[in-house]
Amino acid sequence: MPVFAVTGGRTRSTGRDLPVESLVTATDQRPDDLQKEYRMILDAAVAPVSLVEIGAALRVPVGVARVLVGDLADAGYLVVHAPAPRDAAGNPTPAVLTRLLAGLRAR
């Protein structure tokens, strides 16, 4: 299925704007009538998972994963864990960047 079909052509979620470093976990709600991509996200989010990991698992761009995750969060199926604090300019703090680099090197 083409990427644009998964999101209905949307490039942004109708609700919140999710930073790429957001983590999400599934709630106890599990409807049976969700399309395959949404079910895959809920299955992956049994433990905290990042938007980047969701995009990789679905083989879609992170922007598409962000829209799908936003839809699920708005519907109450996912809990979004806020990203780490940012500096006055809105950039990640040095501590966050250090942890990110350490995580990338560990892979």
C-alpha atoms as a PDB file:
ATOM      1  CA  MET A   1       0.000   0.000   0.000  1.00  0.00           C
ATOM      2  CA  PRO A   2       1.399   3.451  -0.869  1.00  0.00           C
ATOM      3  CA  VAL A   3       2.530   5.555   2.074  1.00  0.00           C
ATOM      4  CA  PHE A   4       0.033   8.344   1.390  1.00  0.00           C
ATOM      5  CA  ALA A   5      -2.827   5.828   1.519  1.00  0.00           C
ATOM      6  CA  VAL A   6      -1.891   4.776   5.047  1.00  0.00           C
ATOM      7  CA  THR A   7      -2.401   8.325   6.335  1.00  0.00           C
ATOM      8  CA  GLY A   8      -5.186   9.316   3.970  1.00  0.00           C
ATOM      9  CA  GLY A   9      -2.811  11.813   2.378  1.00  0.00           C
ATOM     10  CA  ARG A  10      -2.200  13.645   5.658  1.00  0.00           C
ATOM     11  CA  THR A  11       1.292  14.815   6.553  1.00  0.00           C
ATOM     12  CA  ARG A  12       0.379  15.926  10.075  1.00  0.00           C
ATOM     13  CA  SER A  13      -1.722  14.474  12.852  1.00  0.00           C
ATOM     14  CA  THR A  14      -4.970  16.291  13.504  1.00  0.00           C
ATOM     15  CA  GLY A  15      -4.098  16.571  17.200  1.00  0.00           C
ATOM     16  CA  ARG A  16      -0.707  17.005  18.750  1.00  0.00           C
ATOM     17  CA  ASP A  17       2.647  17.624  17.091  1.00  0.00           C
ATOM     18  CA  LEU A  18       4.955  14.826  18.217  1.00  0.00           C
ATOM     19  CA  PRO A  19       8.703  15.401  18.408  1.00  0.00           C
ATOM     20  CA  VAL A  20      10.654  12.644  16.677  1.00  0.00           C
ATOM     21  CA  GLU A  21      12.276  11.634  19.975  1.00  0.00           C
ATOM     22  CA  SER A  22       8.891  10.891  21.607  1.00  0.00           C
ATOM     23  CA  LEU A  23       8.343   7.479  23.121  1.00  0.00           C
ATOM     24  CA  VAL A  24       4.943   5.824  23.235  1.00  0.00           C
ATOM     25  CA  THR A  25       3.348   2.901  25.035  1.00  0.00           C
ATOM     26  CA  ALA A  26       0.038   1.181  24.389  1.00  0.00           C
ATOM     27  CA  THR A  27      -2.889   1.520  26.770  1.00  0.00           C
ATOM     28  CA  ASP A  28      -5.163  -1.377  27.681  1.00  0.00           C
ATOM     29  CA  GLN A  29      -7.629  -0.428  24.930  1.00  0.00           C
ATOM     30  CA  ARG A  30      -7.395  -2.816  21.952  1.00  0.00           C
ATOM     31  CA  PRO A  31     -10.109  -2.382  19.328  1.00  0.00           C
ATOM     32  CA  ASP A  32     -10.436  -5.132  16.749  1.00  0.00           C
ATOM     33  CA  ASP A  33     -11.350  -2.969  13.770  1.00  0.00           C
ATOM     34  CA  LEU A  34      -8.093  -1.042  13.260  1.00  0.00           C
ATOM     35  CA  GLN A  35      -6.147  -1.247  10.007  1.00  0.00           C
ATOM     36  CA  LYS A  36      -2.980  -3.343   9.937  1.00  0.00           C
ATOM     37  CA  GLU A  37      -0.512  -0.463  10.459  1.00  0.00           C
ATOM     38  CA  TYR A  38      -2.305   0.730  13.583  1.00  0.00           C
ATOM     39  CA  ARG A  39      -2.381  -2.816  15.012  1.00  0.00           C
ATOM     40  CA  MET A  40       1.358  -3.179  14.313  1.00  0.00           C
ATOM     41  CA  ILE A  41       2.061   0.031  16.223  1.00  0.00           C
ATOM     42  CA  LEU A  42       0.022  -1.130  19.211  1.00  0.00           C
ATOM     43  CA  ASP A  43       1.817  -4.485  19.173  1.00  0.00           C
ATOM     44  CA  ALA A  44       5.204  -2.729  19.114  1.00  0.00           C
ATOM     45  CA  ALA A  45       4.204  -0.308  21.874  1.00  0.00           C
ATOM     46  CA  VAL A  46       3.671  -2.942  24.557  1.00  0.00           C
ATOM     47  CA  ALA A  47       6.990  -1.594  25.855  1.00  0.00           C
ATOM     48  CA  PRO A  48       8.120   2.014  25.263  1.00  0.00           C
ATOM     49  CA  VAL A  49       9.037   2.526  21.622  1.00  0.00           C
ATOM     50  CA  SER A  50      10.191   5.580  19.663  1.00  0.00           C
ATOM     51  CA  LEU A  51       8.639   7.091  16.568  1.00  0.00           C
ATOM     52  CA  VAL A  52      11.803   6.234  14.655  1.00  0.00           C
ATOM     53  CA  GLU A  53      11.520   2.565  15.641  1.00  0.00           C
ATOM     54  CA  ILE A  54       7.859   2.526  14.629  1.00  0.00           C
ATOM     55  CA  GLY A  55       8.707   4.022  11.245  1.00  0.00           C
ATOM     56  CA  ALA A  56      11.421   1.414  10.723  1.00  0.00           C
ATOM     57  CA  ALA A  57       9.141  -1.457  11.728  1.00  0.00           C
ATOM     58  CA  LEU A  58       6.411  -0.276   9.356  1.00  0.00           C
ATOM     59  CA  ARG A  59       8.938   0.653   6.653  1.00  0.00           C
ATOM     60  CA  VAL A  60       7.472   4.139   6.351  1.00  0.00           C
ATOM     61  CA  PRO A  61       9.008   7.592   6.792  1.00  0.00           C
ATOM     62  CA  VAL A  62       9.079   8.952  10.336  1.00  0.00           C
ATOM     63  CA  GLY A  63       6.560  11.618   9.311  1.00  0.00           C
ATOM     64  CA  VAL A  64       4.040   8.912   8.434  1.00  0.00           C
ATOM     65  CA  ALA A  65       4.743   7.125  11.720  1.00  0.00           C
ATOM     66  CA  ARG A  66       4.191  10.451  13.511  1.00  0.00           C
ATOM     67  CA  VAL A  67       0.742  10.845  11.897  1.00  0.00           C
ATOM     68  CA  LEU A  68      -0.305   7.279  12.736  1.00  0.00           C
ATOM     69  CA  VAL A  69       0.974   7.510  16.317  1.00  0.00           C
ATOM     70  CA  GLY A  70      -0.801  10.849  16.721  1.00  0.00           C
ATOM     71  CA  ASP A  71      -4.058   9.268  15.569  1.00  0.00           C
ATOM     72  CA  LEU A  72      -3.697   6.431  18.083  1.00  0.00           C
ATOM     73  CA  ALA A  73      -2.740   8.804  20.896  1.00  0.00           C
ATOM     74  CA  ASP A  74      -5.696  11.089  20.142  1.00  0.00           C
ATOM     75  CA  ALA A  75      -8.005   8.046  20.267  1.00  0.00           C
ATOM     76  CA  GLY A  76      -6.600   6.989  23.651  1.00  0.00           C
ATOM     77  CA  TYR A  77      -4.796   3.855  22.435  1.00  0.00           C
ATOM     78  CA  LEU A  78      -1.270   5.182  23.098  1.00  0.00           C
ATOM     79  CA  VAL A  79       0.350   7.212  25.851  1.00  0.00           C
ATOM     80  CA  VAL A  80       2.964   9.691  24.623  1.00  0.00           C
ATOM     81  CA  HIS A  81       5.961  10.155  26.900  1.00  0.00           C
ATOM     82  CA  ALA A  82       7.245  13.692  26.674  1.00  0.00           C
ATOM     83  CA  PRO A  83      10.712  14.182  25.261  1.00  0.00           C
ATOM     84  CA  ALA A  84      13.518  15.522  27.362  1.00  0.00           C
ATOM     85  CA  PRO A  85      13.714  19.236  28.106  1.00  0.00           C
ATOM     86  CA  ARG A  86      14.996  21.676  25.515  1.00  0.00           C
ATOM     87  CA  ASP A  87      17.164  24.761  25.865  1.00  0.00           C
ATOM     88  CA  ALA A  88      15.920  28.331  25.377  1.00  0.00           C
ATOM     89  CA  ALA A  89      16.367  28.060  21.591  1.00  0.00           C
ATOM     90  CA  GLY A  90      14.225  24.898  21.476  1.00  0.00           C
ATOM     91  CA  ASN A  91      17.163  22.571  20.828  1.00  0.00           C
ATOM     92  CA  PRO A  92      17.826  19.364  22.758  1.00  0.00           C
ATOM     93  CA  THR A  93      20.045  19.857  25.775  1.00  0.00           C
ATOM     94  CA  PRO A  94      23.646  18.603  25.679  1.00  0.00           C
ATOM     95  CA  ALA A  95      22.682  15.804  28.077  1.00  0.00           C
ATOM     96  CA  VAL A  96      20.014  14.550  25.679  1.00  0.00           C
ATOM     97  CA  LEU A  97      22.399  14.676  22.731  1.00  0.00           C
ATOM     98  CA  THR A  98      25.033  12.790  24.714  1.00  0.00           C
ATOM     99  CA  ARG A  99      22.539  10.026  25.583  1.00  0.00           C
ATOM    100  CA  LEU A 100      21.373   9.873  21.970  1.00  0.00           C
ATOM    101  CA  LEU A 101      24.932   9.538  20.702  1.00  0.00           C
ATOM    102  CA  ALA A 102      25.683   6.830  23.264  1.00  0.00           C
ATOM    103  CA  GLY A 103      22.573   4.931  22.148  1.00  0.00           C
ATOM    104  CA  LEU A 104      23.554   5.152  18.497  1.00  0.00           C
ATOM    105  CA  ARG A 105      27.079   3.977  19.229  1.00  0.00           C
ATOM    106  CA  ALA A 106      25.717   0.993  21.183  1.00  0.00           C
ATOM    107  CA  ARG A 107      23.878  -0.301  18.113  1.00  0.00           C
END
